[in-house]
C-alpha atoms as a PDB file:
ATOM      1  CA  MET A   1     121.609 100.921 114.042  1.00  0.00           C
ATOM      2  CA  ASP A   2     124.004  98.485 115.505  1.00  0.00           C
ATOM      3  CA  SER A   3     125.144  96.837 112.337  1.00  0.00           C
ATOM      4  CA  GLN A   4     124.319  97.228 108.504  1.00  0.00           C
ATOM      5  CA  VAL A   5     123.671  94.071 106.172  1.00  0.00           C
ATOM      6  CA  ILE A   6     123.295  94.067 102.654  1.00  0.00           C
ATOM      7  CA  ILE A   7     121.156  91.006 101.180  1.00  0.00           C
ATOM      8  CA  ILE A   8     122.258  90.686  97.229  1.00  0.00           C
ATOM      9  CA  GLY A   9     119.272  89.155  95.277  1.00  0.00           C
ATOM     10  CA  GLY A  10     115.649  90.831  95.918  1.00  0.00           C
ATOM     11  CA  GLY A  11     114.020  87.430  94.490  1.00  0.00           C
ATOM     12  CA  ALA A  12     111.801  85.415  97.452  1.00  0.00           C
ATOM     13  CA  ALA A  13     115.075  83.732  99.072  1.00  0.00           C
ATOM     14  CA  GLY A  14     116.651  87.045  99.338  1.00  0.00           C
ATOM     15  CA  ILE A  15     113.352  89.298 100.803  1.00  0.00           C
ATOM     16  CA  PHE A  16     112.364  86.481 103.234  1.00  0.00           C
ATOM     17  CA  GLY A  17     115.814  86.266 104.518  1.00  0.00           C
ATOM     18  CA  ALA A  18     116.105  90.228 105.001  1.00  0.00           C
ATOM     19  CA  ILE A  19     112.279  89.721 106.507  1.00  0.00           C
ATOM     20  CA  ARG A  20     113.686  86.760 109.397  1.00  0.00           C
ATOM     21  CA  LEU A  21     117.011  89.108 109.838  1.00  0.00           C
ATOM     22  CA  ALA A  22     115.142  92.316 110.625  1.00  0.00           C
ATOM     23  CA  GLU A  23     112.660  90.143 112.917  1.00  0.00           C
ATOM     24  CA  LEU A  24     115.359  88.301 114.879  1.00  0.00           C
ATOM     25  CA  CYS A  25     117.437  91.338 114.866  1.00  0.00           C
ATOM     26  CA  PRO A  26     115.966  94.664 114.683  1.00  0.00           C
ATOM     27  CA  GLU A  27     118.869  96.947 115.484  1.00  0.00           C
ATOM     28  CA  THR A  28     120.151  95.870 112.300  1.00  0.00           C
ATOM     29  CA  LYS A  29     119.975  97.713 109.156  1.00  0.00           C
ATOM     30  CA  VAL A  30     118.627  95.840 106.452  1.00  0.00           C
ATOM     31  CA  THR A  31     119.000  96.809 102.420  1.00  0.00           C
ATOM     32  CA  ILE A  32     118.456  94.800  99.204  1.00  0.00           C
ATOM     33  CA  LEU A  33     119.864  95.323  96.411  1.00  0.00           C
ATOM     34  CA  GLU A  34     118.241  93.519  93.063  1.00  0.00           C
ATOM     35  CA  ALA A  35     119.787  93.857  89.854  1.00  0.00           C
ATOM     36  CA  GLN A  36     116.315  93.709  88.528  1.00  0.00           C
ATOM     37  CA  SER A  37     113.527  96.473  88.184  1.00  0.00           C
ATOM     38  CA  LYS A  38     111.344  93.837  89.449  1.00  0.00           C
ATOM     39  CA  PRO A  39     111.818  91.549  92.131  1.00  0.00           C
ATOM     40  CA  LEU A  40     109.733  88.998  92.917  1.00  0.00           C
ATOM     41  CA  GLY A  41     109.971  87.874  89.245  1.00  0.00           C
ATOM     42  CA  LYS A  42     109.665  84.005  89.438  1.00  0.00           C
ATOM     43  CA  LEU A  43     107.729  83.907  92.630  1.00  0.00           C
ATOM     44  CA  LYS A  44     104.753  85.884  90.756  1.00  0.00           C
ATOM     45  CA  ILE A  45     104.700  82.794  88.013  1.00  0.00           C
ATOM     46  CA  SER A  46     105.696  80.105  90.361  1.00  0.00           C
ATOM     47  CA  GLY A  47     103.283  77.215  90.779  1.00  0.00           C
ATOM     48  CA  GLY A  48     101.086  78.788  87.755  1.00  0.00           C
ATOM     49  CA  GLY A  49     100.965  81.990  89.660  1.00  0.00           C
ATOM     50  CA  ARG A  50      99.490  80.575  92.344  1.00  0.00           C
ATOM     51  CA  CYS A  51     103.173  80.559  94.437  1.00  0.00           C
ATOM     52  CA  ASN A  52     103.589  77.290  95.819  1.00  0.00           C
ATOM     53  CA  LEU A  53     104.805  78.079  99.312  1.00  0.00           C
ATOM     54  CA  THR A  54     105.887  74.631 100.871  1.00  0.00           C
ATOM     55  CA  HIS A  55     104.677  70.997 101.192  1.00  0.00           C
ATOM     56  CA  ASP A  56     102.569  69.106 103.945  1.00  0.00           C
ATOM     57  CA  CYS A  57     105.602  67.068 104.856  1.00  0.00           C
ATOM     58  CA  HIS A  58     106.566  67.938 108.278  1.00  0.00           C
ATOM     59  CA  ASP A  59     109.455  64.891 108.289  1.00  0.00           C
ATOM     60  CA  PRO A  60     112.990  67.399 107.372  1.00  0.00           C
ATOM     61  CA  ARG A  61     114.569  64.270 106.198  1.00  0.00           C
ATOM     62  CA  ARG A  62     111.589  62.784 103.992  1.00  0.00           C
ATOM     63  CA  LEU A  63     111.321  66.662 102.556  1.00  0.00           C
ATOM     64  CA  ILE A  64     114.721  66.604 101.322  1.00  0.00           C
ATOM     65  CA  GLN A  65     114.132  63.535  99.364  1.00  0.00           C
ATOM     66  CA  ALA A  66     112.093  65.856  96.693  1.00  0.00           C
ATOM     67  CA  TYR A  67     115.196  67.890  96.511  1.00  0.00           C
ATOM     68  CA  PRO A  68     117.963  65.628  95.243  1.00  0.00           C
ATOM     69  CA  ARG A  69     120.575  68.580  93.825  1.00  0.00           C
ATOM     70  CA  GLY A  70     120.457  69.691  97.545  1.00  0.00           C
ATOM     71  CA  GLN A  71     119.504  66.865  99.813  1.00  0.00           C
ATOM     72  CA  LYS A  72     122.910  67.340 102.297  1.00  0.00           C
ATOM     73  CA  GLU A  73     122.449  71.126 102.056  1.00  0.00           C
ATOM     74  CA  LEU A  74     118.661  72.008 102.543  1.00  0.00           C
ATOM     75  CA  LEU A  75     118.557  69.628 105.791  1.00  0.00           C
ATOM     76  CA  GLY A  76     119.916  71.507 107.994  1.00  0.00           C
ATOM     77  CA  PRO A  77     117.722  74.616 107.305  1.00  0.00           C
ATOM     78  CA  PHE A  78     114.439  72.282 107.302  1.00  0.00           C
ATOM     79  CA  SER A  79     115.303  71.138 110.357  1.00  0.00           C
ATOM     80  CA  GLN A  80     116.140  74.677 111.594  1.00  0.00           C
ATOM     81  CA  PHE A  81     112.814  76.185 110.050  1.00  0.00           C
ATOM     82  CA  LYS A  82     110.430  73.579 109.693  1.00  0.00           C
ATOM     83  CA  VAL A  83     107.019  73.514 107.345  1.00  0.00           C
ATOM     84  CA  SER A  84     105.171  74.336 110.368  1.00  0.00           C
ATOM     85  CA  ASP A  85     106.965  77.455 110.949  1.00  0.00           C
ATOM     86  CA  THR A  86     106.746  78.203 107.183  1.00  0.00           C
ATOM     87  CA  TRP A  87     103.001  77.707 107.758  1.00  0.00           C
ATOM     88  CA  ASP A  88     102.527  79.714 111.056  1.00  0.00           C
ATOM     89  CA  TRP A  89     104.407  82.511 109.602  1.00  0.00           C
ATOM     90  CA  PHE A  90     102.291  83.179 106.879  1.00  0.00           C
ATOM     91  CA  GLU A  91      99.328  82.546 108.644  1.00  0.00           C
ATOM     92  CA  SER A  92      99.934  84.840 111.469  1.00  0.00           C
ATOM     93  CA  ARG A  93     100.754  87.822 109.033  1.00  0.00           C
ATOM     94  CA  GLY A  94      96.784  87.410 107.598  1.00  0.00           C
ATOM     95  CA  LEU A  95      97.794  84.418 104.761  1.00  0.00           C
ATOM     96  CA  PRO A  96      95.581  81.520 105.475  1.00  0.00           C
ATOM     97  CA  LEU A  97      96.936  78.595 103.511  1.00  0.00           C
ATOM     98  CA  LYS A  98      95.668  75.495 102.590  1.00  0.00           C
ATOM     99  CA  ILE A  99      96.661  71.983 101.387  1.00  0.00           C
ATOM    100  CA  GLU A 100      96.246  70.562  97.832  1.00  0.00           C
ATOM    101  CA  ALA A 101      95.026  66.606  97.384  1.00  0.00           C
ATOM    102  CA  ASP A 102      98.894  65.940  96.545  1.00  0.00           C
ATOM    103  CA  GLY A 103     100.270  67.946  99.300  1.00  0.00           C
ATOM    104  CA  ARG A 104     101.786  70.979  98.226  1.00  0.00           C
ATOM    105  CA  VAL A 105     100.509  74.061 100.044  1.00  0.00           C
ATOM    106  CA  PHE A 106      99.479  77.320  98.249  1.00  0.00           C
ATOM    107  CA  PRO A 107      97.781  80.555  99.760  1.00  0.00           C
ATOM    108  CA  GLN A 108      93.876  80.076  99.669  1.00  0.00           C
ATOM    109  CA  SER A 109      93.821  83.023  97.680  1.00  0.00           C
ATOM    110  CA  ASP A 110      95.509  81.094  94.780  1.00  0.00           C
ATOM    111  CA  SER A 111      97.636  83.995  93.994  1.00  0.00           C
ATOM    112  CA  SER A 112     101.107  84.739  94.618  1.00  0.00           C
ATOM    113  CA  GLN A 113     100.514  88.491  94.647  1.00  0.00           C
ATOM    114  CA  SER A 114      98.848  87.697  97.769  1.00  0.00           C
ATOM    115  CA  VAL A 115     102.478  86.474  99.045  1.00  0.00           C
ATOM    116  CA  ILE A 116     104.220  89.590  96.889  1.00  0.00           C
ATOM    117  CA  ASP A 117     101.654  92.104  98.876  1.00  0.00           C
ATOM    118  CA  LEU A 118     102.697  90.549 102.602  1.00  0.00           C
ATOM    119  CA  PHE A 119     106.634  90.666 101.656  1.00  0.00           C
ATOM    120  CA  TYR A 120     106.242  94.199 100.908  1.00  0.00           C
ATOM    121  CA  SER A 121     104.328  94.953 103.654  1.00  0.00           C
ATOM    122  CA  GLU A 122     106.669  93.277 106.101  1.00  0.00           C
ATOM    123  CA  MET A 123     109.609  95.367 104.158  1.00  0.00           C
ATOM    124  CA  LYS A 124     107.950  98.734 104.939  1.00  0.00           C
ATOM    125  CA  ASP A 125     107.085  97.948 108.441  1.00  0.00           C
ATOM    126  CA  LYS A 126     110.399  96.452 109.160  1.00  0.00           C
ATOM    127  CA  LYS A 127     111.740  99.277 107.261  1.00  0.00           C
ATOM    128  CA  ILE A 128     113.465  97.199 105.049  1.00  0.00           C
ATOM    129  CA  GLU A 129     115.308  99.292 101.941  1.00  0.00           C
ATOM    130  CA  LEU A 130     115.012  97.424  98.211  1.00  0.00           C
ATOM    131  CA  ARG A 131     116.841  98.952  95.998  1.00  0.00           C
ATOM    132  CA  THR A 132     116.540  97.810  92.213  1.00  0.00           C
ATOM    133  CA  GLY A 133     118.328  98.107  89.207  1.00  0.00           C
ATOM    134  CA  CYS A 134     121.264  97.516  91.632  1.00  0.00           C
ATOM    135  CA  ARG A 135     124.419  95.268  89.939  1.00  0.00           C
ATOM    136  CA  VAL A 136     126.544  94.769  91.673  1.00  0.00           C
ATOM    137  CA  GLN A 137     130.051  95.050  90.007  1.00  0.00           C
ATOM    138  CA  GLU A 138     132.600  93.968  93.147  1.00  0.00           C
ATOM    139  CA  ILE A 139     132.476  92.921  96.379  1.00  0.00           C
ATOM    140  CA  SER A 140     135.840  93.733  98.778  1.00  0.00           C
ATOM    141  CA  LYS A 141     136.500  93.608 102.482  1.00  0.00           C
ATOM    142  CA  ASN A 142     138.199  96.818 103.898  1.00  0.00           C
ATOM    143  CA  ASN A 143     139.149  95.832 107.883  1.00  0.00           C
ATOM    144  CA  GLU A 144     136.011  95.002 109.285  1.00  0.00           C
ATOM    145  CA  LYS A 145     133.168  96.116 106.899  1.00  0.00           C
ATOM    146  CA  PHE A 146     132.757  95.130 103.259  1.00  0.00           C
ATOM    147  CA  GLN A 147     132.450  97.224 100.611  1.00  0.00           C
ATOM    148  CA  VAL A 148     129.642  96.841  97.468  1.00  0.00           C
ATOM    149  CA  VAL A 149     130.615  98.181  94.084  1.00  0.00           C
ATOM    150  CA  LEU A 150     127.876  99.512  92.303  1.00  0.00           C
ATOM    151  CA  LYS A 151     128.105 101.261  89.309  1.00  0.00           C
ATOM    152  CA  ASN A 152     128.329 105.302  90.477  1.00  0.00           C
ATOM    153  CA  GLU A 153     128.857 104.015  94.387  1.00  0.00           C
ATOM    154  CA  ILE A 154     130.026 101.938  96.992  1.00  0.00           C
ATOM    155  CA  LEU A 155     128.086 101.002 100.099  1.00  0.00           C
ATOM    156  CA  LYS A 156     129.293  99.708 103.082  1.00  0.00           C
ATOM    157  CA  ALA A 157     128.131  96.592 105.298  1.00  0.00           C
ATOM    158  CA  ASP A 158     129.294  94.525 108.364  1.00  0.00           C
ATOM    159  CA  ARG A 159     128.147  91.425 106.770  1.00  0.00           C
ATOM    160  CA  ILE A 160     126.910  90.137 103.305  1.00  0.00           C
ATOM    161  CA  ILE A 161     124.271  87.847 102.331  1.00  0.00           C
ATOM    162  CA  LEU A 162     124.404  86.848  98.769  1.00  0.00           C
ATOM    163  CA  ALA A 163     120.530  85.309  97.916  1.00  0.00           C
ATOM    164  CA  THR A 164     121.445  85.099  94.009  1.00  0.00           C
ATOM    165  CA  GLU A 165     121.410  82.180  91.098  1.00  0.00           C
ATOM    166  CA  VAL A 166     124.947  81.452  89.869  1.00  0.00           C
END
C-alpha cells in the first residue's frame, strides 16, 4: 500500500467518501472508524426509510439554494460531483433510481436498505476496513504521520478525513 487514510465517521458521507477514495486511489489503504456499533443509522431512516439520494436539479447554483446554512461551502462540491454523477454512480452499480413529482430522487426499491447494501458491497469489493465501536480520543501529528488514539490502541495514517457531526 502506498498510503494509509483513516476516515473518522461511518455515516453516509464517510462511507461514500471512503468508496470514492478507494476508486480514485486504489493503492491507498482506507479505514473507517465509527463510534457507534451500527453505521449508517441516519441513512437507514432518511426519507422515511426510503433514502432521498439527491434532487433533480442539475444547476449547482440553484441546488445550493436548498441549503441555507451551507450554500457557499456546497457550491464547489456540487459543481465537481454533480447530480448526474450521483445518478450515474448508483445506477452503474445496479441501483435504479426514480424522480418523484417534487424532484426528490429515491431508489426505485423505496428502501434505504438497498443503498446500505450497495455501500457494504462496494466497501467489501474495495477492501475498505470498517471498524465500529471506535471512539477517537485524540489526533496528533508525529513527523509525517497522523496518530489516532483509540481507547486501547494508536493507529497511524498519512491522511485523516473527518466526516463527523460537530
